[in-house]
Amino acid sequence: MKTQITGIIILLILASCAEMKQRDQKSVAELFPPIKIKEWERTPVVNGRLPTKEEIDNGTALLYYPNPGRDVKAYDMKLPKLAYYSYPKRGKKDLVVVIQIVQSKQDTMVGYRQLTRLNGASVFSHFQFLTDEEVKEVMEKSK
C-alpha cells in the first residue's frame, strides 16, 4: 500500500513538473537552482499548510494534493530543515534541505532539495534530521 501511494505521489510530482515546463517554459534547473550551504535557511518553503498549485508551479513545494482528504495535512515541523537523505538500496546518504512534509493515514512524505542538484520526494523514515549542533558542525566544515 505504501509503495502504491508513494508511486502515485511521485507521478503527481512528475506530471506537475511536465505541466510547469509546458506552461511557463521554465526548466527544472531554473526552478530548483543549487543551494549555497551558507544560505540553506533562505530556501523557499510552505509552512503549516498544504501548498497551492501556484507554489508547486513556482518550485516552493513539490508534493501536490489536488483534492486532499481530511487526513492529509502538513506535518507539524518548521521548515526548512537540514537532513541526511538515505538511499535505501545504495547505502548512500546526501545532505538535503527539506522543504515540505505531508502527513496522511497511509504515510508521511518529504519533499526535499539537494544542494547541488534538483529535488526529490521520499518517505519520512529515509531522513535523519540534523540537530542544531549538527547544523553548526556542517556550517563550520563548509567554511
Foldseek 3Di string as FASTA:
>chain_A
DLVVVVVVQVVVLVVLQVVLCVPVVDHLCNLAPAADLVCLQVQAADPFFADDSVCCSSNNDRGDDPDDDPQKTWDHDDDFFWKWFADVPPRDTAIWTWRTWIGGPSFIKTWIQGRHDGIDMDGPVRIDTDDPVVSVVVVVVSD
